[in-house]
Amino acid sequence: MTQYFEKYRGAERVSLVNALTEMGESASYNYRTRIAAANNIANYTGTATQNLQMLSLLKSGDLIRPADGAAADSTEQPKSNRKWLFGMALAGTIGALFFGKKKMTDKKPRKKKKRKKASK
């Protein structure tokens, strides 16, 4: 027997990822790939067209749940996010090494230089 996702009854304008998240489902790329395969959406890469197709099925109550049952780990982050987070952490570490941990407010105010009047 085929299992379907519950019909989405949320906001009219919503993305597939947000709809799945609101329903308490995993929205990870790996899980969406398995959902696409279960719904005969070939070569899923996460394009807008593919996501809109799955969202339409979800809103109509016809989106098939993957046969393996278990959802992907909901804490999983897309690879692009992991790279960005790693880059930000690395940048923070390098910044602390080169510039120390001083705050901008710790700097002494600059003294204004007095200009000499030009003699005539």
Protein backbone atom coordinates (compact mmCIF):
# COMPACT_ATOMS: atom_id res chain seq x y z
CA MET A 1 0.00 0.00 0.00
CA THR A 2 1.35 3.40 -1.00
CA GLN A 3 1.64 6.01 1.73
CA TYR A 4 1.08 9.67 0.97
CA PHE A 5 2.12 12.80 2.79
CA GLU A 6 -0.69 14.60 4.55
CA LYS A 7 -2.26 17.30 2.40
CA TYR A 8 -0.56 20.68 2.94
CA ARG A 9 -3.08 23.27 4.15
CA GLY A 10 -0.76 26.17 4.99
CA ALA A 11 0.04 29.42 3.22
CA GLU A 12 -0.87 29.77 -0.45
CA ARG A 13 2.58 31.02 -1.50
CA VAL A 14 5.21 28.78 0.06
CA SER A 15 8.29 26.86 -1.05
CA LEU A 16 8.52 23.08 -0.92
CA VAL A 17 11.21 23.28 1.77
CA ASN A 18 9.10 25.58 3.96
CA ALA A 19 5.97 23.46 3.45
CA LEU A 20 7.78 20.26 4.47
CA THR A 21 9.33 22.00 7.47
CA GLU A 22 5.96 23.39 8.60
CA MET A 23 4.54 19.87 8.45
CA GLY A 24 7.36 18.56 10.65
CA GLU A 25 9.04 16.67 7.84
CA SER A 26 12.69 16.76 6.88
CA ALA A 27 13.44 19.16 4.03
CA SER A 28 17.01 18.03 3.43
CA TYR A 29 18.21 17.64 -0.13
CA ASN A 30 18.76 13.88 0.33
CA TYR A 31 15.21 13.34 1.56
CA ARG A 32 13.73 15.48 -1.23
CA THR A 33 15.73 13.35 -3.70
CA ARG A 34 14.09 10.21 -2.27
CA ILE A 35 10.65 11.86 -2.40
CA ALA A 36 11.24 12.78 -6.06
CA ALA A 37 12.24 9.22 -6.91
CA ALA A 38 9.10 7.86 -5.21
CA ASN A 39 7.01 10.27 -7.32
CA ASN A 40 8.71 9.41 -10.64
CA ILE A 41 10.53 12.74 -10.92
CA ALA A 42 13.70 11.70 -12.71
CA ASN A 43 17.16 13.17 -12.11
CA TYR A 44 16.14 15.39 -9.18
CA THR A 45 18.55 18.29 -8.74
CA GLY A 46 16.33 20.66 -6.77
CA THR A 47 15.32 22.93 -9.65
CA ALA A 48 12.39 25.30 -9.21
CA THR A 49 10.34 23.29 -11.70
CA GLN A 50 10.94 20.02 -9.84
CA ASN A 51 10.19 21.59 -6.46
CA LEU A 52 7.00 23.23 -7.76
CA GLN A 53 5.89 19.90 -9.18
CA MET A 54 6.36 18.21 -5.79
CA LEU A 55 4.74 21.15 -3.98
CA SER A 56 1.69 20.87 -6.23
CA LEU A 57 1.42 17.17 -5.37
CA LEU A 58 1.82 17.98 -1.68
CA LYS A 59 -0.95 20.58 -1.79
CA SER A 60 -3.31 18.15 -3.53
CA GLY A 61 -2.48 15.32 -1.09
CA ASP A 62 -0.95 13.17 -3.86
CA LEU A 63 2.74 13.35 -2.89
CA ILE A 64 3.98 9.81 -2.27
CA ARG A 65 6.13 9.21 0.81
CA PRO A 66 9.39 7.31 0.04
CA ALA A 67 9.04 3.54 0.52
CA ASP A 68 12.02 3.27 2.88
CA GLY A 69 9.92 5.18 5.41
CA ALA A 70 12.59 6.85 7.53
CA ALA A 71 13.16 10.50 6.82
CA ALA A 72 16.64 11.88 6.39
CA ASP A 73 18.21 13.48 9.41
CA SER A 74 16.45 16.83 9.77
CA THR A 75 19.60 18.39 11.21
CA GLU A 76 21.49 17.70 7.99
CA GLN A 77 22.60 20.85 6.25
CA PRO A 78 23.09 21.19 2.52
CA LYS A 79 26.74 21.05 1.48
CA SER A 80 26.74 24.67 0.36
CA ASN A 81 25.65 25.77 3.86
CA ARG A 82 28.35 23.66 5.48
CA LYS A 83 31.02 25.28 3.30
CA TRP A 84 29.69 28.74 4.15
CA LEU A 85 29.62 28.00 7.90
CA PHE A 86 33.14 26.57 7.77
CA GLY A 87 34.33 29.64 5.87
CA MET A 88 32.77 31.99 8.42
CA ALA A 89 34.32 30.08 11.34
CA LEU A 90 37.71 30.10 9.63
CA ALA A 91 37.44 33.82 8.89
CA GLY A 92 36.61 34.52 12.53
CA THR A 93 39.60 32.49 13.73
CA ILE A 94 41.99 34.18 11.30
CA GLY A 95 40.62 37.60 12.22
CA ALA A 96 41.16 36.91 15.91
CA LEU A 97 44.74 35.78 15.24
CA PHE A 98 45.69 38.83 13.21
CA PHE A 99 43.69 41.53 14.89
CA GLY A 100 43.24 40.23 18.41
CA LYS A 101 39.92 40.36 20.16
CA LYS A 102 39.71 44.11 20.53
CA LYS A 103 36.43 45.76 19.86
CA MET A 104 36.19 48.76 17.62
CA THR A 105 35.25 50.86 20.66
CA ASP A 106 38.57 50.03 22.34
CA LYS A 107 40.48 52.23 19.89
CA LYS A 108 41.70 55.60 21.07
CA PRO A 109 40.11 58.54 19.30
CA ARG A 110 42.28 60.14 16.65
CA LYS A 111 43.71 63.52 17.39
CA LYS A 112 43.03 66.14 14.81
CA LYS A 113 46.11 67.64 13.27
CA LYS A 114 46.34 71.39 13.40
CA ARG A 115 46.91 72.93 10.06
CA LYS A 116 49.49 75.64 9.76
CA LYS A 117 48.28 78.78 8.16
CA ALA A 118 50.02 79.50 4.95
CA SER A 119 52.17 82.61 5.13
CA LYS A 120 51.70 85.32 2.52
